[in-house]
Amino acid sequence: MNKLKERGETLHDFKYDRKDIADEIYSAMNSTDFVGVSGRVAFSAAGDRIAWTQIEQMIGGNYGLIGHFDASSNNLSWLNKDKWIAGKPPADRTQIDFKLRRVSLGLFISMCALASIGILCCIACMIFNCVFKNDRLIRYSHPEINSLTAFGCIVCLFAVFLLGLDGQHVAVNNFGKVCQANVWILSIGFTFAYGAMFSKIWRVHRISTRQKKDKKTQVESWKLWIFVVILLIIDVIVFTTWQIIDPLEREEEKFPREEPENSDEDIMIEPFLEHCKSKKHIIWIGVIYGYKGLLLVLGVFLAYETRNMKVDELNDTRFVGMSIYNVVVLCLITAPVTLIISSQQDATYAFSALAIIFCCFLSLGMIFIPKVMHVRKNIQTDGDISSVAGSSVTREEEEKLRSLLTENEDLKRQISDKEERIRTLNDLLRQKGHGHSSSSSSSAAAARPTRAKHISFETPSSSSSRPRPTFVDVKKPNDSGVSSSQTMGTEAQTAESAC
């Protein structure tokens, strides 16, 4: 007060923007220290009174002393006479318990069991391709590409195990690594499985757009592998860039607090869910869904365009096209639905896992079941599988057989033309014989044996290289003195030399 009077001011001049007066009041309170009726009067830097505090507790309806606190020396004297309900002091605030929402164990085990069965089926299909790779139907379907599809399904099914891993199985520090591994495995598996099928459809479409003479061009396996390698390189570039620039990390999604069941304590449960996220997650997801979706749409278009195409060296394109339809439909349904229900861990995992499993099973069924049925029909009743594998011919032998069959058809057509010519000549000779012969010569001619060239076609055996016609002479005279056998013999020799 004295300092304010020296400046000609009073407490009435204090306003909240007058920091100089506030500093004078704060300094006066800090310097206050005297003994009053209630004891020592002094104030701390926080504005609290420094005094001896008595602590009491109501026990049995009466207050009882349980301790003292000396604020000046910051000393607490406790008498250990306190009593609490349930043997512990009550909480001064509501206790918050954090609870992780996990994938149910039963769902995780069931999906993993189905994925394991699918992996075994894929391995069986790959073994089937290796055993019967020389069979004509399987060889013309390019078993190496079919095995690549089966391998891609194995990789995708392995991702089912990683999709179900959460905080109860993986430490917080390793969760980001699991996220990266899951994305890599699922994408690479999709590239192998779908890329192998897409390469076949693409190759058939290329053949169908060429000239007719080019349709018989042999389809080489390395041309199918090139497309799969290109897709794999794109995946490696995109995911490596993503992992370096903006890696996936663990992110918690918190939900509204819930009251615990069958509990009288002041506790609230705050559920949370773990997600794999990056800073620009939407952009990366858009890039991946963009080029993968474009590949799916292009695959449907090519499958539709080549639905009636039949290429001998890609004899399973119809079933591959049906597999592409199924994969596209399931992917177009699964991708947006999982984004919508991402806050429901069980539904998201079940939907994603079942989509992967169904895609793999349908693709394997469409591609391999017709081949298994074909081989089963060719197996002898005694079940000797080795006889089926040994009876298959090589590609060179089959090409040679095809050329022999074509040549055989040409020779049959030529022989048919010659027989028609000989038949016409026989009719002309018969007409001349009736017009100029006498009755005696006619009767004599009727008594004589008739000779004509008869040509028959012998189907070549496996050892012969081309068919041979055989000829039989039948005699018949004509009015010019030259036997019809000589005339027809000349024609037959002409036909034989043409053959």
Protein backbone atom coordinates (compact mmCIF):
# COMPACT_ATOMS: atom_id res chain seq x y z
CA MET A 1 0.00 0.00 0.00
CA ASN A 2 2.79 2.40 0.89
CA LYS A 3 4.44 1.88 -2.47
CA LEU A 4 1.17 2.60 -4.22
CA LYS A 5 0.73 5.79 -2.17
CA GLU A 6 4.20 6.93 -3.13
CA ARG A 7 3.11 6.73 -6.76
CA GLY A 8 -0.22 8.43 -5.98
CA GLU A 9 -2.26 5.26 -6.63
CA THR A 10 -4.58 3.03 -4.59
CA LEU A 11 -6.06 -0.48 -4.95
CA HIS A 12 -9.05 1.09 -6.68
CA ASP A 13 -6.79 1.85 -9.61
CA PHE A 14 -6.06 -1.91 -10.14
CA LYS A 15 -7.20 -3.43 -13.37
CA TYR A 16 -6.34 -6.76 -14.92
CA ASP A 17 -4.12 -5.13 -17.46
CA ARG A 18 -2.09 -3.31 -14.77
CA LYS A 19 0.80 -5.72 -14.36
CA ASP A 20 2.77 -3.28 -12.22
CA ILE A 21 0.09 -3.22 -9.49
CA ALA A 22 -0.28 -7.04 -9.70
CA ASP A 23 3.46 -7.43 -9.13
CA GLU A 24 3.28 -5.18 -6.03
CA ILE A 25 0.40 -7.25 -4.58
CA TYR A 26 2.25 -10.54 -5.30
CA SER A 27 5.42 -9.22 -3.63
CA ALA A 28 3.47 -8.14 -0.53
CA MET A 29 1.89 -11.61 -0.15
CA ASN A 30 5.25 -13.35 -0.42
CA SER A 31 6.69 -11.16 2.29
CA THR A 32 3.75 -11.71 4.67
CA ASP A 33 4.80 -13.84 7.65
CA PHE A 34 3.33 -13.45 11.17
CA VAL A 35 1.74 -15.49 13.95
CA GLY A 36 -1.96 -15.05 14.36
CA VAL A 37 -4.81 -16.64 16.29
CA SER A 38 -4.86 -19.70 14.01
CA GLY A 39 -1.10 -19.93 14.03
CA ARG A 40 1.52 -18.85 11.58
CA VAL A 41 0.26 -16.84 8.60
CA ALA A 42 2.36 -17.10 5.47
CA PHE A 43 1.77 -17.86 1.80
CA SER A 44 3.61 -20.04 -0.69
CA ALA A 45 4.63 -19.04 -4.20
CA ALA A 46 1.44 -20.65 -5.48
CA GLY A 47 -0.68 -18.52 -3.17
CA ASP A 48 -1.50 -21.31 -0.67
CA ARG A 49 -1.28 -20.63 3.06
CA ILE A 50 1.66 -22.19 4.80
CA ALA A 51 0.26 -23.78 7.94
CA TRP A 52 -0.02 -26.98 9.97
CA THR A 53 -2.77 -29.17 8.44
CA GLN A 54 -4.65 -31.75 10.51
CA ILE A 55 -5.98 -34.79 8.66
CA GLU A 56 -9.05 -36.58 10.04
CA GLN A 57 -11.24 -39.50 8.92
CA MET A 58 -14.79 -40.36 9.90
CA ILE A 59 -14.75 -43.81 11.44
CA GLY A 60 -17.90 -45.22 13.01
CA GLY A 61 -19.67 -41.86 12.71
CA ASN A 62 -16.93 -39.88 14.49
CA TYR A 63 -13.94 -37.97 13.14
CA GLY A 64 -10.61 -39.37 14.23
CA LEU A 65 -7.14 -37.91 13.79
CA ILE A 66 -5.05 -39.95 11.37
CA GLY A 67 -2.15 -37.53 10.57
CA HIS A 68 -0.63 -34.05 10.20
CA PHE A 69 1.02 -32.19 7.32
CA ASP A 70 3.50 -29.33 7.79
CA ALA A 71 3.48 -27.24 4.63
CA SER A 72 6.49 -25.17 5.68
CA SER A 73 8.74 -28.22 5.90
CA ASN A 74 6.70 -30.38 3.50
CA ASN A 75 6.52 -33.10 6.17
CA LEU A 76 3.65 -35.63 6.54
CA SER A 77 3.08 -37.37 9.88
CA TRP A 78 0.83 -40.44 9.45
CA LEU A 79 -0.63 -42.31 12.42
CA ASN A 80 -1.75 -45.44 10.49
CA LYS A 81 -5.25 -45.32 11.96
CA ASP A 82 -7.06 -45.07 8.64
CA LYS A 83 -9.62 -47.68 7.57
CA TRP A 84 -10.88 -48.30 4.00
CA ILE A 85 -13.62 -50.36 2.44
CA ALA A 86 -12.20 -53.41 0.62
CA GLY A 87 -8.84 -52.68 2.24
CA LYS A 88 -7.71 -49.98 -0.23
CA PRO A 89 -8.34 -46.24 -0.55
CA PRO A 90 -11.00 -45.16 -3.05
CA ALA A 91 -9.91 -43.82 -6.43
CA ASP A 92 -9.92 -40.09 -6.80
CA ARG A 93 -10.98 -40.40 -10.45
CA THR A 94 -12.56 -42.91 -12.87
CA GLN A 95 -10.13 -45.65 -13.80
CA ILE A 96 -9.68 -46.19 -17.56
CA ASP A 97 -8.77 -49.65 -18.82
CA PHE A 98 -7.60 -50.00 -22.45
CA LYS A 99 -8.76 -53.15 -24.23
CA LEU A 100 -7.49 -54.39 -27.60
CA ARG A 101 -10.12 -55.70 -29.99
CA ARG A 102 -8.73 -58.98 -31.32
CA VAL A 103 -9.72 -61.47 -33.97
CA SER A 104 -11.56 -64.31 -32.30
CA LEU A 105 -9.41 -67.38 -31.88
CA GLY A 106 -12.01 -69.77 -33.34
CA LEU A 107 -12.33 -67.71 -36.52
CA PHE A 108 -8.56 -67.47 -36.89
CA ILE A 109 -8.08 -71.23 -36.49
CA SER A 110 -10.87 -72.09 -38.95
CA MET A 111 -9.54 -69.76 -41.65
CA CYS A 112 -6.01 -71.06 -41.16
CA ALA A 113 -7.29 -74.63 -41.49
CA LEU A 114 -9.01 -73.83 -44.80
CA ALA A 115 -5.88 -72.06 -46.03
CA SER A 116 -3.76 -75.08 -45.10
CA ILE A 117 -6.07 -77.38 -47.07
CA GLY A 118 -5.79 -75.02 -50.04
CA ILE A 119 -1.99 -75.05 -49.83
CA LEU A 120 -1.99 -78.86 -49.88
CA CYS A 121 -4.28 -78.84 -52.91
CA CYS A 122 -1.93 -76.43 -54.70
CA ILE A 123 1.04 -78.68 -53.99
CA ALA A 124 -0.93 -81.69 -55.28
CA CYS A 125 -1.74 -79.80 -58.50
CA MET A 126 1.91 -78.91 -59.02
CA ILE A 127 2.91 -82.57 -58.52
CA PHE A 128 0.16 -83.58 -60.98
CA ASN A 129 1.64 -81.23 -63.58
CA CYS A 130 5.10 -82.70 -63.13
CA VAL A 131 3.92 -86.32 -63.37
CA PHE A 132 1.67 -85.91 -66.43
CA LYS A 133 3.50 -83.08 -68.19
CA ASN A 134 3.94 -85.23 -71.35
CA ASP A 135 0.24 -85.84 -71.74
CA ARG A 136 -1.09 -84.09 -74.86
CA LEU A 137 -3.86 -82.12 -73.12
CA ILE A 138 -1.64 -81.00 -70.27
CA ARG A 139 1.35 -80.23 -72.47
CA TYR A 140 -0.70 -77.98 -74.73
CA SER A 141 -2.04 -76.10 -71.71
CA HIS A 142 1.52 -75.08 -70.71
CA PRO A 143 1.91 -76.85 -67.36
CA GLU A 144 4.68 -74.46 -66.28
CA ILE A 145 2.26 -71.54 -66.35
CA ASN A 146 -0.38 -73.60 -64.54
CA SER A 147 2.16 -74.48 -61.88
CA LEU A 148 2.94 -70.78 -61.53
CA THR A 149 -0.77 -70.16 -60.90
CA ALA A 150 -0.76 -72.82 -58.21
CA PHE A 151 2.36 -71.31 -56.63
CA GLY A 152 0.71 -67.88 -56.61
CA CYS A 153 -2.29 -69.40 -54.83
CA ILE A 154 0.06 -70.85 -52.19
CA VAL A 155 1.54 -67.40 -51.55
CA CYS A 156 -1.90 -65.79 -51.32
CA LEU A 157 -3.14 -68.47 -48.92
CA PHE A 158 -0.11 -67.90 -46.73
CA ALA A 159 -1.26 -64.28 -46.39
CA VAL A 160 -4.38 -65.57 -44.58
CA PHE A 161 -2.15 -66.43 -41.61
CA LEU A 162 -0.64 -62.94 -41.51
CA LEU A 163 -3.99 -61.17 -41.82
CA GLY A 164 -5.12 -62.62 -38.48
CA LEU A 165 -2.05 -61.56 -36.50
CA ASP A 166 -2.61 -58.68 -34.07
CA GLY A 167 -1.35 -57.40 -30.72
CA GLN A 168 -1.99 -60.69 -28.97
CA HIS A 169 0.53 -62.45 -31.23
CA VAL A 170 2.91 -59.66 -32.33
CA ALA A 171 4.80 -57.13 -30.22
CA VAL A 172 4.15 -53.45 -30.79
CA ASN A 173 7.66 -52.86 -32.17
CA ASN A 174 7.26 -55.62 -34.79
CA PHE A 175 3.74 -54.77 -35.89
CA GLY A 176 4.90 -52.52 -38.74
CA LYS A 177 7.12 -55.29 -40.14
CA VAL A 178 4.17 -57.68 -40.18
CA CYS A 179 2.15 -55.06 -42.06
CA GLN A 180 4.84 -54.72 -44.71
CA ALA A 181 5.22 -58.48 -45.08
CA ASN A 182 1.47 -58.93 -45.46
CA VAL A 183 1.24 -56.37 -48.26
CA TRP A 184 4.23 -57.82 -50.12
CA ILE A 185 3.08 -61.44 -49.86
CA LEU A 186 -0.51 -60.80 -50.90
CA SER A 187 0.46 -58.63 -53.87
CA ILE A 188 3.20 -60.97 -55.13
CA GLY A 189 0.89 -63.97 -54.81
CA PHE A 190 -1.81 -62.14 -56.78
CA THR A 191 0.72 -61.25 -59.48
CA PHE A 192 1.85 -64.86 -59.87
CA ALA A 193 -1.64 -66.40 -59.85
CA TYR A 194 -3.61 -63.83 -61.82
CA GLY A 195 -0.69 -62.78 -64.02
CA ALA A 196 -0.21 -66.36 -65.23
CA MET A 197 -3.87 -66.63 -66.23
CA PHE A 198 -3.85 -63.16 -67.77
CA SER A 199 -0.81 -64.00 -69.90
CA LYS A 200 -2.69 -66.91 -71.49
CA ILE A 201 -5.73 -64.80 -72.31
CA TRP A 202 -3.51 -62.04 -73.66
CA ARG A 203 -1.63 -64.50 -75.87
CA VAL A 204 -4.86 -65.97 -77.27
CA HIS A 205 -6.14 -62.48 -78.03
CA ARG A 206 -2.91 -61.64 -79.85
CA ILE A 207 -3.22 -64.79 -81.94
CA SER A 208 -6.86 -64.05 -82.76
CA THR A 209 -5.99 -60.59 -84.08
CA ARG A 210 -3.35 -61.89 -86.52
CA GLN A 211 -3.79 -63.25 -90.00
CA LYS A 212 -5.18 -66.73 -90.47
CA LYS A 213 -1.82 -68.15 -91.46
CA ASP A 214 -0.31 -67.00 -88.19
CA LYS A 215 -2.84 -68.78 -86.01
CA LYS A 216 -0.86 -71.98 -86.27
CA THR A 217 2.20 -70.33 -84.83
CA GLN A 218 3.57 -72.27 -81.92
CA VAL A 219 2.94 -70.62 -78.55
CA GLU A 220 6.19 -70.58 -76.62
CA SER A 221 6.23 -70.58 -72.84
CA TRP A 222 8.81 -67.82 -72.53
CA LYS A 223 6.41 -65.39 -74.16
CA LEU A 224 3.90 -66.12 -71.39
CA TRP A 225 6.56 -65.71 -68.73
CA ILE A 226 7.51 -62.25 -69.98
CA PHE A 227 4.19 -60.73 -69.00
CA VAL A 228 4.33 -62.19 -65.49
CA VAL A 229 7.86 -60.85 -65.05
CA ILE A 230 6.73 -57.38 -66.13
CA LEU A 231 3.93 -57.35 -63.55
CA LEU A 232 6.35 -58.57 -60.90
CA ILE A 233 8.80 -55.77 -61.68
CA ILE A 234 6.00 -53.19 -61.35
CA ASP A 235 5.07 -54.60 -57.94
CA VAL A 236 8.66 -54.50 -56.73
CA ILE A 237 9.09 -50.88 -57.83
CA VAL A 238 5.82 -49.67 -56.26
CA PHE A 239 6.18 -51.46 -52.93
CA THR A 240 9.87 -50.68 -52.54
CA THR A 241 9.13 -47.00 -53.09
CA TRP A 242 6.27 -47.16 -50.62
CA GLN A 243 8.37 -48.90 -47.99
CA ILE A 244 11.24 -46.42 -48.30
CA ILE A 245 9.29 -43.17 -48.55
CA ASP A 246 6.25 -43.84 -46.37
CA PRO A 247 6.46 -47.18 -44.52
CA LEU A 248 3.47 -48.79 -42.86
CA GLU A 249 3.24 -48.35 -39.11
CA ARG A 250 0.95 -49.35 -36.26
CA GLU A 251 -1.96 -47.01 -35.67
CA GLU A 252 -4.62 -47.25 -32.99
CA GLU A 253 -8.29 -46.55 -33.61
CA LYS A 254 -10.07 -45.72 -30.34
CA PHE A 255 -13.75 -46.32 -29.71
CA PRO A 256 -16.22 -44.81 -27.21
CA ARG A 257 -15.78 -45.91 -23.60
CA GLU A 258 -17.89 -48.77 -22.31
CA GLU A 259 -18.94 -49.79 -18.82
CA PRO A 260 -17.68 -53.18 -17.68
CA GLU A 261 -20.17 -55.96 -17.13
CA ASN A 262 -20.86 -57.20 -13.55
CA SER A 263 -18.62 -54.65 -11.85
CA ASP A 264 -19.47 -52.05 -9.18
CA GLU A 265 -16.10 -50.30 -9.40
CA ASP A 266 -15.61 -46.90 -10.97
CA ILE A 267 -14.00 -48.31 -14.12
CA MET A 268 -14.54 -47.54 -17.82
CA ILE A 269 -13.23 -49.65 -20.71
CA GLU A 270 -11.81 -47.88 -23.75
CA PRO A 271 -11.55 -50.33 -26.70
CA PHE A 272 -9.01 -49.77 -29.46
CA LEU A 273 -8.11 -51.51 -32.70
CA GLU A 274 -4.77 -51.81 -34.47
CA HIS A 275 -4.40 -50.81 -38.11
CA CYS A 276 -1.59 -50.72 -40.64
CA LYS A 277 -1.36 -47.12 -41.81
CA SER A 278 1.09 -44.73 -43.38
CA LYS A 279 1.05 -40.95 -43.61
CA LYS A 280 -0.23 -40.94 -47.20
CA HIS A 281 -2.02 -44.26 -47.01
CA ILE A 282 -4.94 -43.26 -49.25
CA ILE A 283 -2.61 -42.25 -52.09
CA TRP A 284 -0.67 -45.53 -52.00
CA ILE A 285 -3.85 -47.59 -51.80
CA GLY A 286 -5.23 -45.65 -54.75
CA VAL A 287 -2.11 -46.36 -56.83
CA ILE A 288 -2.22 -50.10 -56.07
CA TYR A 289 -5.97 -50.45 -56.56
CA GLY A 290 -5.67 -48.38 -59.74
CA TYR A 291 -3.27 -50.55 -61.70
CA LYS A 292 -4.51 -53.81 -60.20
CA GLY A 293 -8.10 -52.85 -61.00
CA LEU A 294 -7.12 -51.88 -64.54
CA LEU A 295 -5.51 -55.30 -64.93
CA LEU A 296 -8.69 -56.99 -63.68
CA VAL A 297 -10.94 -55.05 -66.07
CA LEU A 298 -8.62 -55.74 -68.99
CA GLY A 299 -8.62 -59.44 -68.09
CA VAL A 300 -12.43 -59.54 -68.17
CA PHE A 301 -12.46 -57.79 -71.53
CA LEU A 302 -9.94 -60.20 -73.07
CA ALA A 303 -11.74 -63.21 -71.59
CA TYR A 304 -14.97 -62.02 -73.19
CA GLU A 305 -13.33 -61.31 -76.53
CA THR A 306 -11.70 -64.76 -76.67
CA ARG A 307 -14.64 -66.76 -75.29
CA ASN A 308 -15.14 -68.57 -78.62
CA MET A 309 -11.47 -68.86 -79.57
CA LYS A 310 -9.87 -72.29 -79.73
CA VAL A 311 -6.08 -72.49 -79.92
CA ASP A 312 -4.56 -75.96 -79.95
CA GLU A 313 -1.50 -74.91 -78.01
CA LEU A 314 -3.58 -73.11 -75.34
CA ASN A 315 -6.42 -75.57 -74.95
CA ASP A 316 -7.67 -74.40 -71.54
CA THR A 317 -8.34 -70.75 -72.32
CA ARG A 318 -12.08 -71.22 -71.76
CA PHE A 319 -11.54 -72.37 -68.19
CA VAL A 320 -8.91 -69.69 -67.63
CA GLY A 321 -11.42 -67.08 -68.75
CA MET A 322 -13.98 -68.41 -66.29
CA SER A 323 -11.36 -68.24 -63.53
CA ILE A 324 -10.65 -64.62 -64.40
CA TYR A 325 -14.37 -63.81 -64.17
CA ASN A 326 -14.54 -65.28 -60.68
CA VAL A 327 -11.39 -63.52 -59.47
CA VAL A 328 -12.55 -60.15 -60.81
CA VAL A 329 -16.00 -60.40 -59.23
CA LEU A 330 -14.63 -61.39 -55.81
CA CYS A 331 -11.92 -58.71 -55.88
CA LEU A 332 -14.34 -55.96 -56.90
CA ILE A 333 -16.64 -56.93 -54.04
CA THR A 334 -14.00 -57.53 -51.38
CA ALA A 335 -11.87 -54.39 -51.83
CA PRO A 336 -14.56 -51.75 -51.10
CA VAL A 337 -16.36 -53.82 -48.47
CA THR A 338 -13.22 -54.34 -46.38
CA LEU A 339 -12.58 -50.58 -46.44
CA ILE A 340 -16.10 -49.93 -45.16
CA ILE A 341 -16.07 -52.52 -42.37
CA SER A 342 -12.45 -51.97 -41.32
CA SER A 343 -13.57 -51.09 -37.76
CA GLN A 344 -15.00 -54.60 -37.28
CA GLN A 345 -12.01 -56.87 -36.90
CA ASP A 346 -13.80 -60.23 -37.15
CA ALA A 347 -15.90 -59.26 -40.16
CA THR A 348 -12.92 -57.74 -41.98
CA TYR A 349 -10.72 -60.77 -41.41
CA ALA A 350 -13.43 -63.28 -42.32
CA PHE A 351 -14.40 -61.42 -45.49
CA SER A 352 -10.80 -60.99 -46.67
CA ALA A 353 -9.73 -64.54 -45.82
CA LEU A 354 -12.78 -66.15 -47.44
CA ALA A 355 -12.32 -64.07 -50.59
CA ILE A 356 -8.70 -65.21 -50.90
CA ILE A 357 -9.61 -68.85 -50.22
CA PHE A 358 -12.51 -68.89 -52.68
CA CYS A 359 -10.44 -67.24 -55.41
CA CYS A 360 -7.71 -69.83 -55.02
CA PHE A 361 -10.05 -72.83 -54.86
CA LEU A 362 -12.11 -71.67 -57.86
CA SER A 363 -9.01 -70.99 -59.95
CA LEU A 364 -7.50 -74.36 -59.11
CA GLY A 365 -10.78 -76.11 -59.82
CA MET A 366 -11.33 -74.44 -63.19
CA ILE A 367 -7.79 -75.07 -64.40
CA PHE A 368 -6.90 -78.48 -62.97
CA ILE A 369 -10.14 -80.47 -62.50
CA PRO A 370 -10.75 -80.91 -66.28
CA LYS A 371 -7.19 -82.15 -66.68
CA VAL A 372 -7.52 -84.57 -63.77
CA MET A 373 -10.73 -85.95 -65.27
CA HIS A 374 -9.04 -86.33 -68.65
CA VAL A 375 -6.13 -88.25 -67.16
CA ARG A 376 -8.46 -90.37 -65.11
CA LYS A 377 -10.33 -91.45 -68.24
CA ASN A 378 -7.06 -92.50 -69.85
CA ILE A 379 -5.91 -94.55 -66.89
CA GLN A 380 -6.40 -98.28 -67.38
CA THR A 381 -8.73 -100.26 -65.15
CA ASP A 382 -5.81 -101.74 -63.25
CA GLY A 383 -4.78 -98.23 -62.15
CA ASP A 384 -1.37 -98.32 -63.81
CA ILE A 385 -0.52 -94.63 -63.92
CA SER A 386 2.86 -95.26 -65.43
CA SER A 387 1.27 -96.70 -68.57
CA VAL A 388 -0.60 -93.44 -69.09
CA ALA A 389 2.52 -91.36 -68.66
CA GLY A 390 4.51 -93.71 -70.92
CA SER A 391 1.88 -93.85 -73.67
CA SER A 392 2.04 -90.13 -74.30
CA VAL A 393 3.93 -89.14 -77.42
CA THR A 394 6.35 -86.31 -77.85
CA ARG A 395 5.62 -83.02 -79.56
CA GLU A 396 7.67 -83.97 -82.66
CA GLU A 397 5.80 -87.27 -83.10
CA GLU A 398 2.48 -85.53 -82.79
CA GLU A 399 3.42 -82.92 -85.38
CA LYS A 400 4.52 -85.69 -87.73
CA LEU A 401 1.25 -87.55 -87.18
CA ARG A 402 -0.71 -84.39 -87.91
CA SER A 403 1.13 -83.84 -91.20
CA LEU A 404 0.57 -87.50 -92.19
CA LEU A 405 -3.14 -87.17 -91.53
CA THR A 406 -3.32 -84.05 -93.67
CA GLU A 407 -1.46 -85.76 -96.51
CA ASN A 408 -3.71 -88.78 -96.13
CA GLU A 409 -6.79 -86.63 -96.63
CA ASP A 410 -5.29 -85.06 -99.76
CA LEU A 411 -4.51 -88.49 -101.24
CA LYS A 412 -8.01 -89.72 -100.49
CA ARG A 413 -9.44 -86.72 -102.32
CA GLN A 414 -7.20 -87.32 -105.35
CA ILE A 415 -8.10 -91.00 -105.47
CA SER A 416 -11.78 -90.15 -105.25
CA ASP A 417 -11.39 -87.85 -108.27
CA LYS A 418 -9.62 -90.58 -110.24
CA GLU A 419 -12.30 -93.12 -109.38
CA GLU A 420 -14.94 -90.71 -110.60
CA ARG A 421 -13.00 -90.28 -113.85
CA ILE A 422 -12.70 -94.04 -114.31
CA ARG A 423 -16.42 -94.44 -113.66
CA THR A 424 -17.17 -91.89 -116.35
CA LEU A 425 -14.93 -93.68 -118.85
CA ASN A 426 -16.60 -97.00 -118.07
CA ASP A 427 -19.99 -95.47 -118.85
CA LEU A 428 -18.70 -94.14 -122.19
CA LEU A 429 -17.23 -97.53 -123.15
CA ARG A 430 -20.47 -99.23 -122.22
CA GLN A 431 -22.46 -96.85 -124.43
CA LYS A 432 -20.12 -97.39 -127.42
CA GLY A 433 -20.27 -101.14 -127.01
CA HIS A 434 -24.09 -101.17 -127.20
CA GLY A 435 -24.19 -98.84 -130.25
CA HIS A 436 -21.77 -100.54 -132.71
CA SER A 437 -21.53 -104.17 -131.70
CA SER A 438 -23.52 -106.90 -133.41
CA SER A 439 -25.80 -109.19 -131.52
CA SER A 440 -23.28 -112.01 -131.67
CA SER A 441 -20.44 -109.84 -130.55
CA SER A 442 -22.70 -108.48 -127.83
CA SER A 443 -23.49 -111.93 -126.60
CA ALA A 444 -19.84 -112.87 -126.81
CA ALA A 445 -18.87 -109.75 -124.98
CA ALA A 446 -21.42 -110.57 -122.33
CA ALA A 447 -19.82 -113.97 -121.88
CA ARG A 448 -16.34 -112.60 -121.55
CA PRO A 449 -15.02 -111.55 -118.19
CA THR A 450 -14.83 -107.82 -117.64
CA ARG A 451 -11.76 -106.09 -116.40
CA ALA A 452 -11.75 -102.61 -114.80
CA LYS A 453 -9.41 -100.80 -112.61
CA HIS A 454 -10.64 -100.72 -109.06
CA ILE A 455 -8.74 -98.55 -106.67
CA SER A 456 -8.90 -99.05 -102.93
CA PHE A 457 -7.19 -96.99 -100.25
CA GLU A 458 -5.12 -98.56 -97.59
CA THR A 459 -4.79 -96.65 -94.36
CA PRO A 460 -1.11 -96.38 -93.49
CA SER A 461 0.17 -98.03 -90.40
CA SER A 462 2.26 -96.24 -87.83
CA SER A 463 5.43 -97.42 -89.59
CA SER A 464 4.50 -96.25 -93.14
CA SER A 465 4.95 -92.65 -94.12
CA ARG A 466 2.08 -92.32 -96.72
CA PRO A 467 -0.96 -94.32 -97.96
CA ARG A 468 -0.77 -96.50 -101.09
CA PRO A 469 -3.61 -97.23 -103.53
CA THR A 470 -4.06 -100.81 -104.88
CA PHE A 471 -5.50 -101.68 -108.30
CA VAL A 472 -7.44 -104.70 -109.65
CA ASP A 473 -7.97 -105.25 -113.43
CA VAL A 474 -11.37 -106.20 -114.83
CA LYS A 475 -11.46 -106.94 -118.63
CA LYS A 476 -14.04 -105.52 -121.02
CA PRO A 477 -13.68 -105.23 -124.83
CA ASN A 478 -14.69 -102.30 -127.00
CA ASP A 479 -15.54 -101.93 -130.65
CA SER A 480 -12.19 -100.53 -131.74
CA GLY A 481 -10.32 -103.67 -130.94
CA VAL A 482 -8.60 -102.18 -127.99
CA SER A 483 -9.68 -103.70 -124.76
CA SER A 484 -11.20 -101.40 -122.18
CA SER A 485 -8.73 -102.83 -119.69
CA GLN A 486 -5.92 -101.19 -121.62
CA THR A 487 -7.71 -97.84 -121.68
CA MET A 488 -8.66 -98.00 -118.05
CA GLY A 489 -5.22 -99.27 -117.19
CA THR A 490 -3.73 -96.13 -118.68
CA GLU A 491 -6.08 -94.00 -116.60
CA ALA A 492 -5.33 -96.03 -113.53
CA GLN A 493 -1.59 -95.69 -114.08
CA THR A 494 -2.10 -91.95 -114.33
CA ALA A 495 -3.98 -91.97 -111.04
CA GLU A 496 -1.33 -94.15 -109.44
CA SER A 497 1.48 -91.85 -110.57
CA ALA A 498 -0.46 -88.86 -109.19
CA CYS A 499 -0.76 -90.64 -105.86
